[in-house]
Amino acid sequence: MLFQVGGQGTRPTFFEMAATQQLPSSLRAALAYSIG
């Protein structure tokens, strides 16, 4: 995935949180479910 840059898929990065702020809540929830 795009957000797993350093191989750490458990901790959200600054770029990931910044990107999710630009998304609708539905997509944000879907991303949070798929990542977390």
C-alpha atoms as a PDB file:
ATOM      1  CA  MET A   1       0.000   0.000   0.000  1.00  0.00           C
ATOM      2  CA  LEU A   2       0.937   3.594  -0.353  1.00  0.00           C
ATOM      3  CA  PHE A   3       0.881   4.282   3.373  1.00  0.00           C
ATOM      4  CA  GLN A   4       3.144   1.400   4.341  1.00  0.00           C
ATOM      5  CA  VAL A   5       6.372   3.154   3.386  1.00  0.00           C
ATOM      6  CA  GLY A   6       8.684   1.931   6.127  1.00  0.00           C
ATOM      7  CA  GLY A   7       7.024  -1.442   6.464  1.00  0.00           C
ATOM      8  CA  GLN A   8       5.242  -0.316   9.625  1.00  0.00           C
ATOM      9  CA  GLY A   9       1.572  -0.866   8.885  1.00  0.00           C
ATOM     10  CA  THR A  10       0.554  -0.708  12.531  1.00  0.00           C
ATOM     11  CA  ARG A  11       1.400   2.918  13.251  1.00  0.00           C
ATOM     12  CA  PRO A  12      -0.218   5.665  11.167  1.00  0.00           C
ATOM     13  CA  THR A  13       2.326   8.100   9.779  1.00  0.00           C
ATOM     14  CA  PHE A  14       2.000  11.862   9.487  1.00  0.00           C
ATOM     15  CA  PHE A  15       1.402  11.578   5.754  1.00  0.00           C
ATOM     16  CA  GLU A  16      -1.275   8.972   6.287  1.00  0.00           C
ATOM     17  CA  MET A  17      -3.156  11.101   8.795  1.00  0.00           C
ATOM     18  CA  ALA A  18      -2.788  14.157   6.564  1.00  0.00           C
ATOM     19  CA  ALA A  19      -4.168  12.207   3.623  1.00  0.00           C
ATOM     20  CA  THR A  20      -7.117  10.838   5.576  1.00  0.00           C
ATOM     21  CA  GLN A  21      -8.114  14.347   6.592  1.00  0.00           C
ATOM     22  CA  GLN A  22      -8.821  15.079   2.939  1.00  0.00           C
ATOM     23  CA  LEU A  23     -11.124  12.088   2.529  1.00  0.00           C
ATOM     24  CA  PRO A  24     -14.832  11.716   3.279  1.00  0.00           C
ATOM     25  CA  SER A  25     -15.660   9.915   6.508  1.00  0.00           C
ATOM     26  CA  SER A  26     -16.793   6.800   4.653  1.00  0.00           C
ATOM     27  CA  LEU A  27     -13.495   6.414   2.820  1.00  0.00           C
ATOM     28  CA  ARG A  28     -11.621   7.306   5.976  1.00  0.00           C
ATOM     29  CA  ALA A  29     -13.433   4.552   7.868  1.00  0.00           C
ATOM     30  CA  ALA A  30     -12.719   2.095   5.062  1.00  0.00           C
ATOM     31  CA  LEU A  31      -9.032   2.971   5.131  1.00  0.00           C
ATOM     32  CA  ALA A  32      -8.914   2.742   8.907  1.00  0.00           C
ATOM     33  CA  TYR A  33     -10.537  -0.689   8.733  1.00  0.00           C
ATOM     34  CA  SER A  34      -8.231  -1.988   6.015  1.00  0.00           C
ATOM     35  CA  ILE A  35      -5.068  -0.631   7.639  1.00  0.00           C
ATOM     36  CA  GLY A  36      -5.883  -1.193  11.283  1.00  0.00           C
END
